[in-house]
Amino acid sequence: MQETLRMVFRNQEGRLVSINLPDPNPELTALEVETVMDSIVTRNVFMTTGGNIEAKVRAEVVSRGVNVLGEFNG
């Protein structure tokens, strides 16, 4: 199963902005992610089409699995 760390922020226009990182370390803690997110906001390292990132909203690990129901020759 493929996993992605998704960090969600709010920009100056109030829109949500996501930064996605594939294959996060399974031992990564919420505190570690929050520290990185705080740094992204404080250092103003990313610019979005809606302006600077101003606040962190949430962090989540998204899992994606594929269950093949059938394969067809066409």
PDB file of N, CA and C in Angstrom:
ATOM      1  N   MET A   1       0.834  -1.175   0.000  1.00  0.00           N
ATOM      2  CA  MET A   1       0.000   0.000   0.000  1.00  0.00           C
ATOM      3  C   MET A   1       0.885   1.247   0.000  1.00  0.00           C
ATOM      4  N   GLN A   2       0.615   2.155  -0.904  1.00  0.00           N
ATOM      5  CA  GLN A   2       1.390   3.391  -1.024  1.00  0.00           C
ATOM      6  C   GLN A   2       0.873   4.422  -0.022  1.00  0.00           C
ATOM      7  N   GLU A   3       1.789   5.104   0.670  1.00  0.00           N
ATOM      8  CA  GLU A   3       1.414   6.141   1.624  1.00  0.00           C
ATOM      9  C   GLU A   3       2.041   7.475   1.239  1.00  0.00           C
ATOM     10  N   THR A   4       1.337   8.548   1.570  1.00  0.00           N
ATOM     11  CA  THR A   4       1.799   9.905   1.305  1.00  0.00           C
ATOM     12  C   THR A   4       1.512  10.761   2.528  1.00  0.00           C
ATOM     13  N   LEU A   5       2.494  11.545   2.948  1.00  0.00           N
ATOM     14  CA  LEU A   5       2.276  12.532   3.995  1.00  0.00           C
ATOM     15  C   LEU A   5       1.725  13.779   3.330  1.00  0.00           C
ATOM     16  N   ARG A   6       0.555  14.221   3.756  1.00  0.00           N
ATOM     17  CA  ARG A   6      -0.073  15.433   3.215  1.00  0.00           C
ATOM     18  C   ARG A   6      -0.113  16.489   4.319  1.00  0.00           C
ATOM     19  N   MET A   7       0.558  17.618   4.064  1.00  0.00           N
ATOM     20  CA  MET A   7       0.532  18.748   4.991  1.00  0.00           C
ATOM     21  C   MET A   7      -0.334  19.830   4.356  1.00  0.00           C
ATOM     22  N   VAL A   8      -1.364  20.231   5.064  1.00  0.00           N
ATOM     23  CA  VAL A   8      -2.339  21.177   4.519  1.00  0.00           C
ATOM     24  C   VAL A   8      -2.202  22.514   5.245  1.00  0.00           C
ATOM     25  N   PHE A   9      -2.132  23.582   4.440  1.00  0.00           N
ATOM     26  CA  PHE A   9      -1.963  24.945   4.956  1.00  0.00           C
ATOM     27  C   PHE A   9      -3.062  25.846   4.399  1.00  0.00           C
ATOM     28  N   ARG A  10      -3.187  27.042   4.976  1.00  0.00           N
ATOM     29  CA  ARG A  10      -4.078  28.072   4.442  1.00  0.00           C
ATOM     30  C   ARG A  10      -3.207  29.230   3.963  1.00  0.00           C
ATOM     31  N   ASN A  11      -3.517  29.748   2.756  1.00  0.00           N
ATOM     32  CA  ASN A  11      -2.735  30.863   2.227  1.00  0.00           C
ATOM     33  C   ASN A  11      -3.436  32.207   2.492  1.00  0.00           C
ATOM     34  N   GLN A  12      -2.851  33.287   1.997  1.00  0.00           N
ATOM     35  CA  GLN A  12      -3.364  34.632   2.256  1.00  0.00           C
ATOM     36  C   GLN A  12      -4.797  34.826   1.779  1.00  0.00           C
ATOM     37  N   GLU A  13      -5.187  34.144   0.711  1.00  0.00           N
ATOM     38  CA  GLU A  13      -6.547  34.263   0.200  1.00  0.00           C
ATOM     39  C   GLU A  13      -7.523  33.341   0.917  1.00  0.00           C
ATOM     40  N   GLY A  14      -7.029  32.586   1.899  1.00  0.00           N
ATOM     41  CA  GLY A  14      -7.896  31.684   2.650  1.00  0.00           C
ATOM     42  C   GLY A  14      -8.100  30.329   2.004  1.00  0.00           C
ATOM     43  N   ARG A  15      -7.394  30.078   0.908  1.00  0.00           N
ATOM     44  CA  ARG A  15      -7.509  28.789   0.220  1.00  0.00           C
ATOM     45  C   ARG A  15      -6.558  27.762   0.838  1.00  0.00           C
ATOM     46  N   LEU A  16      -6.941  26.498   0.735  1.00  0.00           N
ATOM     47  CA  LEU A  16      -6.109  25.415   1.235  1.00  0.00           C
ATOM     48  C   LEU A  16      -5.044  25.058   0.214  1.00  0.00           C
ATOM     49  N   VAL A  17      -3.847  24.787   0.721  1.00  0.00           N
ATOM     50  CA  VAL A  17      -2.693  24.415  -0.095  1.00  0.00           C
ATOM     51  C   VAL A  17      -2.079  23.167   0.529  1.00  0.00           C
ATOM     52  N   SER A  18      -1.777  22.162  -0.282  1.00  0.00           N
ATOM     53  CA  SER A  18      -1.195  20.920   0.228  1.00  0.00           C
ATOM     54  C   SER A  18       0.227  20.738  -0.272  1.00  0.00           C
ATOM     55  N   ILE A  19       1.056  20.208   0.598  1.00  0.00           N
ATOM     56  CA  ILE A  19       2.396  19.761   0.231  1.00  0.00           C
ATOM     57  C   ILE A  19       2.403  18.265   0.519  1.00  0.00           C
ATOM     58  N   ASN A  20       2.682  17.467  -0.500  1.00  0.00           N
ATOM     59  CA  ASN A  20       2.621  16.010  -0.380  1.00  0.00           C
ATOM     60  C   ASN A  20       4.012  15.405  -0.507  1.00  0.00           C
ATOM     61  N   LEU A  21       4.315  14.488   0.390  1.00  0.00           N
ATOM     62  CA  LEU A  21       5.606  13.795   0.371  1.00  0.00           C
ATOM     63  C   LEU A  21       5.358  12.291   0.352  1.00  0.00           C
ATOM     64  N   PRO A  22       5.872  11.593  -0.669  1.00  0.00           N
ATOM     65  CA  PRO A  22       5.640  10.151  -0.759  1.00  0.00           C
ATOM     66  C   PRO A  22       6.475   9.367   0.244  1.00  0.00           C
ATOM     67  N   ASP A  23       5.951   8.223   0.620  1.00  0.00           N
ATOM     68  CA  ASP A  23       6.652   7.245   1.459  1.00  0.00           C
ATOM     69  C   ASP A  23       7.247   7.846   2.740  1.00  0.00           C
ATOM     70  N   PRO A  24       6.424   8.415   3.616  1.00  0.00           N
ATOM     71  CA  PRO A  24       6.963   8.967   4.859  1.00  0.00           C
ATOM     72  C   PRO A  24       7.477   7.857   5.774  1.00  0.00           C
ATOM     73  N   ASN A  25       8.432   8.206   6.594  1.00  0.00           N
ATOM     74  CA  ASN A  25       8.962   7.270   7.571  1.00  0.00           C
ATOM     75  C   ASN A  25       7.814   6.832   8.490  1.00  0.00           C
ATOM     76  N   PRO A  26       7.591   5.540   8.674  1.00  0.00           N
ATOM     77  CA  PRO A  26       6.486   5.068   9.511  1.00  0.00           C
ATOM     78  C   PRO A  26       6.619   5.485  10.979  1.00  0.00           C
ATOM     79  N   GLU A  27       7.820   5.870  11.389  1.00  0.00           N
ATOM     80  CA  GLU A  27       8.028   6.274  12.784  1.00  0.00           C
ATOM     81  C   GLU A  27       7.929   7.791  12.965  1.00  0.00           C
ATOM     82  N   LEU A  28       7.546   8.499  11.935  1.00  0.00           N
ATOM     83  CA  LEU A  28       7.370   9.940  11.994  1.00  0.00           C
ATOM     84  C   LEU A  28       6.271  10.286  12.997  1.00  0.00           C
ATOM     85  N   THR A  29       6.525  11.288  13.838  1.00  0.00           N
ATOM     86  CA  THR A  29       5.540  11.659  14.852  1.00  0.00           C
ATOM     87  C   THR A  29       4.805  12.943  14.467  1.00  0.00           C
ATOM     88  N   ALA A  30       3.670  13.145  15.088  1.00  0.00           N
ATOM     89  CA  ALA A  30       2.889  14.363  14.850  1.00  0.00           C
ATOM     90  C   ALA A  30       3.693  15.597  15.242  1.00  0.00           C
ATOM     91  N   LEU A  31       4.454  15.514  16.307  1.00  0.00           N
ATOM     92  CA  LEU A  31       5.266  16.644  16.761  1.00  0.00           C
ATOM     93  C   LEU A  31       6.338  17.002  15.723  1.00  0.00           C
ATOM     94  N   GLU A  32       6.967  16.007  15.131  1.00  0.00           N
ATOM     95  CA  GLU A  32       7.976  16.257  14.100  1.00  0.00           C
ATOM     96  C   GLU A  32       7.361  16.950  12.887  1.00  0.00           C
ATOM     97  N   VAL A  33       6.202  16.483  12.469  1.00  0.00           N
ATOM     98  CA  VAL A  33       5.531  17.089  11.318  1.00  0.00           C
ATOM     99  C   VAL A  33       5.100  18.509  11.649  1.00  0.00           C
ATOM    100  N   GLU A  34       4.562  18.721  12.843  1.00  0.00           N
ATOM    101  CA  GLU A  34       4.137  20.061  13.244  1.00  0.00           C
ATOM    102  C   GLU A  34       5.312  21.028  13.270  1.00  0.00           C
ATOM    103  N   THR A  35       6.454  20.571  13.702  1.00  0.00           N
ATOM    104  CA  THR A  35       7.655  21.411  13.729  1.00  0.00           C
ATOM    105  C   THR A  35       8.052  21.835  12.319  1.00  0.00           C
ATOM    106  N   VAL A  36       8.016  20.905  11.381  1.00  0.00           N
ATOM    107  CA  VAL A  36       8.336  21.224   9.988  1.00  0.00           C
ATOM    108  C   VAL A  36       7.308  22.203   9.424  1.00  0.00           C
ATOM    109  N   MET A  37       6.033  21.974   9.716  1.00  0.00           N
ATOM    110  CA  MET A  37       4.986  22.862   9.216  1.00  0.00           C
ATOM    111  C   MET A  37       5.136  24.268   9.784  1.00  0.00           C
ATOM    112  N   ASP A  38       5.461  24.367  11.067  1.00  0.00           N
ATOM    113  CA  ASP A  38       5.708  25.684  11.677  1.00  0.00           C
ATOM    114  C   ASP A  38       6.850  26.391  10.966  1.00  0.00           C
ATOM    115  N   SER A  39       7.894  25.643  10.641  1.00  0.00           N
ATOM    116  CA  SER A  39       9.049  26.206   9.953  1.00  0.00           C
ATOM    117  C   SER A  39       8.665  26.711   8.560  1.00  0.00           C
ATOM    118  N   ILE A  40       7.836  25.965   7.856  1.00  0.00           N
ATOM    119  CA  ILE A  40       7.386  26.379   6.522  1.00  0.00           C
ATOM    120  C   ILE A  40       6.624  27.694   6.614  1.00  0.00           C
ATOM    121  N   VAL A  41       5.756  27.819   7.610  1.00  0.00           N
ATOM    122  CA  VAL A  41       4.978  29.055   7.777  1.00  0.00           C
ATOM    123  C   VAL A  41       5.893  30.208   8.188  1.00  0.00           C
ATOM    124  N   THR A  42       6.742  29.982   9.174  1.00  0.00           N
ATOM    125  CA  THR A  42       7.602  31.031   9.717  1.00  0.00           C
ATOM    126  C   THR A  42       8.619  31.538   8.701  1.00  0.00           C
ATOM    127  N   ARG A  43       9.230  30.622   7.978  1.00  0.00           N
ATOM    128  CA  ARG A  43      10.293  31.004   7.028  1.00  0.00           C
ATOM    129  C   ARG A  43       9.757  31.489   5.688  1.00  0.00           C
ATOM    130  N   ASN A  44       8.454  31.294   5.471  1.00  0.00           N
ATOM    131  CA  ASN A  44       7.823  31.784   4.246  1.00  0.00           C
ATOM    132  C   ASN A  44       8.556  31.253   3.012  1.00  0.00           C
ATOM    133  N   VAL A  45       8.773  29.933   2.964  1.00  0.00           N
ATOM    134  CA  VAL A  45       9.583  29.337   1.905  1.00  0.00           C
ATOM    135  C   VAL A  45       8.806  29.004   0.637  1.00  0.00           C
ATOM    136  N   PHE A  46       7.474  28.990   0.698  1.00  0.00           N
ATOM    137  CA  PHE A  46       6.673  28.674  -0.482  1.00  0.00           C
ATOM    138  C   PHE A  46       5.716  29.819  -0.776  1.00  0.00           C
ATOM    139  N   MET A  47       5.585  30.130  -2.056  1.00  0.00           N
ATOM    140  CA  MET A  47       4.614  31.130  -2.508  1.00  0.00           C
ATOM    141  C   MET A  47       3.564  30.372  -3.314  1.00  0.00           C
ATOM    142  N   THR A  48       2.303  30.682  -3.098  1.00  0.00           N
ATOM    143  CA  THR A  48       1.234  30.046  -3.855  1.00  0.00           C
ATOM    144  C   THR A  48       0.554  31.093  -4.727  1.00  0.00           C
ATOM    145  N   THR A  49      -0.312  30.659  -5.622  1.00  0.00           N
ATOM    146  CA  THR A  49      -1.040  31.614  -6.458  1.00  0.00           C
ATOM    147  C   THR A  49      -1.972  32.475  -5.623  1.00  0.00           C
ATOM    148  N   GLY A  50      -2.285  32.036  -4.420  1.00  0.00           N
ATOM    149  CA  GLY A  50      -3.138  32.807  -3.518  1.00  0.00           C
ATOM    150  C   GLY A  50      -2.344  33.546  -2.458  1.00  0.00           C
ATOM    151  N   GLY A  51      -1.045  33.718  -2.696  1.00  0.00           N
ATOM    152  CA  GLY A  51      -0.202  34.435  -1.738  1.00  0.00           C
ATOM    153  C   GLY A  51       0.581  33.501  -0.838  1.00  0.00           C
ATOM    154  N   ASN A  52       1.194  34.087   0.161  1.00  0.00           N
ATOM    155  CA  ASN A  52       2.032  33.324   1.092  1.00  0.00           C
ATOM    156  C   ASN A  52       1.207  32.341   1.921  1.00  0.00           C
ATOM    157  N   ILE A  53       1.855  31.286   2.356  1.00  0.00           N
ATOM    158  CA  ILE A  53       1.234  30.352   3.292  1.00  0.00           C
ATOM    159  C   ILE A  53       1.242  31.021   4.661  1.00  0.00           C
ATOM    160  N   GLU A  54       0.069  31.072   5.293  1.00  0.00           N
ATOM    161  CA  GLU A  54      -0.050  31.800   6.554  1.00  0.00           C
ATOM    162  C   GLU A  54      -0.330  30.934   7.772  1.00  0.00           C
ATOM    163  N   ALA A  55      -0.908  29.754   7.589  1.00  0.00           N
ATOM    164  CA  ALA A  55      -1.268  28.941   8.758  1.00  0.00           C
ATOM    165  C   ALA A  55      -1.297  27.466   8.396  1.00  0.00           C
ATOM    166  N   LYS A  56      -0.983  26.641   9.363  1.00  0.00           N
ATOM    167  CA  LYS A  56      -1.098  25.199   9.168  1.00  0.00           C
ATOM    168  C   LYS A  56      -2.534  24.791   9.529  1.00  0.00           C
ATOM    169  N   VAL A  57      -3.048  23.807   8.801  1.00  0.00           N
ATOM    170  CA  VAL A  57      -4.424  23.354   9.004  1.00  0.00           C
ATOM    171  C   VAL A  57      -4.447  21.930   9.554  1.00  0.00           C
ATOM    172  N   ARG A  58      -3.762  21.014   8.867  1.00  0.00           N
ATOM    173  CA  ARG A  58      -3.722  19.623   9.335  1.00  0.00           C
ATOM    174  C   ARG A  58      -2.597  18.869   8.629  1.00  0.00           C
ATOM    175  N   ALA A  59      -2.267  17.730   9.202  1.00  0.00           N
ATOM    176  CA  ALA A  59      -1.312  16.804   8.589  1.00  0.00           C
ATOM    177  C   ALA A  59      -1.951  15.420   8.639  1.00  0.00           C
ATOM    178  N   GLU A  60      -1.761  14.681   7.566  1.00  0.00           N
ATOM    179  CA  GLU A  60      -2.374  13.359   7.513  1.00  0.00           C
ATOM    180  C   GLU A  60      -1.528  12.438   6.651  1.00  0.00           C
ATOM    181  N   VAL A  61      -1.597  11.158   6.946  1.00  0.00           N
ATOM    182  CA  VAL A  61      -0.963  10.155   6.095  1.00  0.00           C
ATOM    183  C   VAL A  61      -2.082   9.485   5.317  1.00  0.00           C
ATOM    184  N   VAL A  62      -1.977   9.575   4.005  1.00  0.00           N
ATOM    185  CA  VAL A  62      -2.992   9.026   3.120  1.00  0.00           C
ATOM    186  C   VAL A  62      -2.471   7.706   2.562  1.00  0.00           C
ATOM    187  N   SER A  63      -3.265   6.648   2.701  1.00  0.00           N
ATOM    188  CA  SER A  63      -2.898   5.336   2.168  1.00  0.00           C
ATOM    189  C   SER A  63      -3.733   5.055   0.935  1.00  0.00           C
ATOM    190  N   ARG A  64      -3.071   4.489  -0.042  1.00  0.00           N
ATOM    191  CA  ARG A  64      -3.771   4.169  -1.284  1.00  0.00           C
ATOM    192  C   ARG A  64      -3.436   2.749  -1.682  1.00  0.00           C
ATOM    193  N   GLY A  65      -4.460   1.965  -1.823  1.00  0.00           N
ATOM    194  CA  GLY A  65      -4.292   0.592  -2.289  1.00  0.00           C
ATOM    195  C   GLY A  65      -5.135   0.364  -3.526  1.00  0.00           C
ATOM    196  N   VAL A  66      -4.721  -0.557  -4.357  1.00  0.00           N
ATOM    197  CA  VAL A  66      -5.454  -0.872  -5.574  1.00  0.00           C
ATOM    198  C   VAL A  66      -5.849  -2.342  -5.522  1.00  0.00           C
ATOM    199  N   ASN A  67      -7.132  -2.586  -5.753  1.00  0.00           N
ATOM    200  CA  ASN A  67      -7.641  -3.936  -5.801  1.00  0.00           C
ATOM    201  C   ASN A  67      -8.137  -4.191  -7.224  1.00  0.00           C
ATOM    202  N   VAL A  68      -7.387  -4.950  -7.996  1.00  0.00           N
ATOM    203  CA  VAL A  68      -7.745  -5.217  -9.394  1.00  0.00           C
ATOM    204  C   VAL A  68      -8.919  -6.183  -9.403  1.00  0.00           C
ATOM    205  N   LEU A  69     -10.025  -5.770 -10.037  1.00  0.00           N
ATOM    206  CA  LEU A  69     -11.202  -6.611 -10.131  1.00  0.00           C
ATOM    207  C   LEU A  69     -11.150  -7.542 -11.326  1.00  0.00           C
ATOM    208  N   GLY A  70     -10.408  -7.146 -12.334  1.00  0.00           N
ATOM    209  CA  GLY A  70     -10.276  -7.976 -13.522  1.00  0.00           C
ATOM    210  C   GLY A  70      -9.389  -7.286 -14.534  1.00  0.00           C
ATOM    211  N   GLU A  71      -8.791  -8.050 -15.420  1.00  0.00           N
ATOM    212  CA  GLU A  71      -7.999  -7.504 -16.506  1.00  0.00           C
ATOM    213  C   GLU A  71      -8.598  -8.005 -17.802  1.00  0.00           C
ATOM    214  N   PHE A  72      -8.718  -7.099 -18.758  1.00  0.00           N
ATOM    215  CA  PHE A  72      -9.413  -7.429 -19.985  1.00  0.00           C
ATOM    216  C   PHE A  72      -8.523  -7.148 -21.191  1.00  0.00           C
ATOM    217  N   ASN A  73      -8.505  -8.051 -22.104  1.00  0.00           N
ATOM    218  CA  ASN A  73      -7.751  -7.871 -23.350  1.00  0.00           C
ATOM    219  C   ASN A  73      -8.634  -7.083 -24.312  1.00  0.00           C
ATOM    220  N   GLY A  74      -8.087  -6.030 -24.886  1.00  0.00           N
ATOM    221  CA  GLY A  74      -8.932  -5.232 -25.758  1.00  0.00           C
ATOM    222  C   GLY A  74      -8.329  -4.865 -27.033  1.00  0.00           C
TER     223      GLY A  74
END
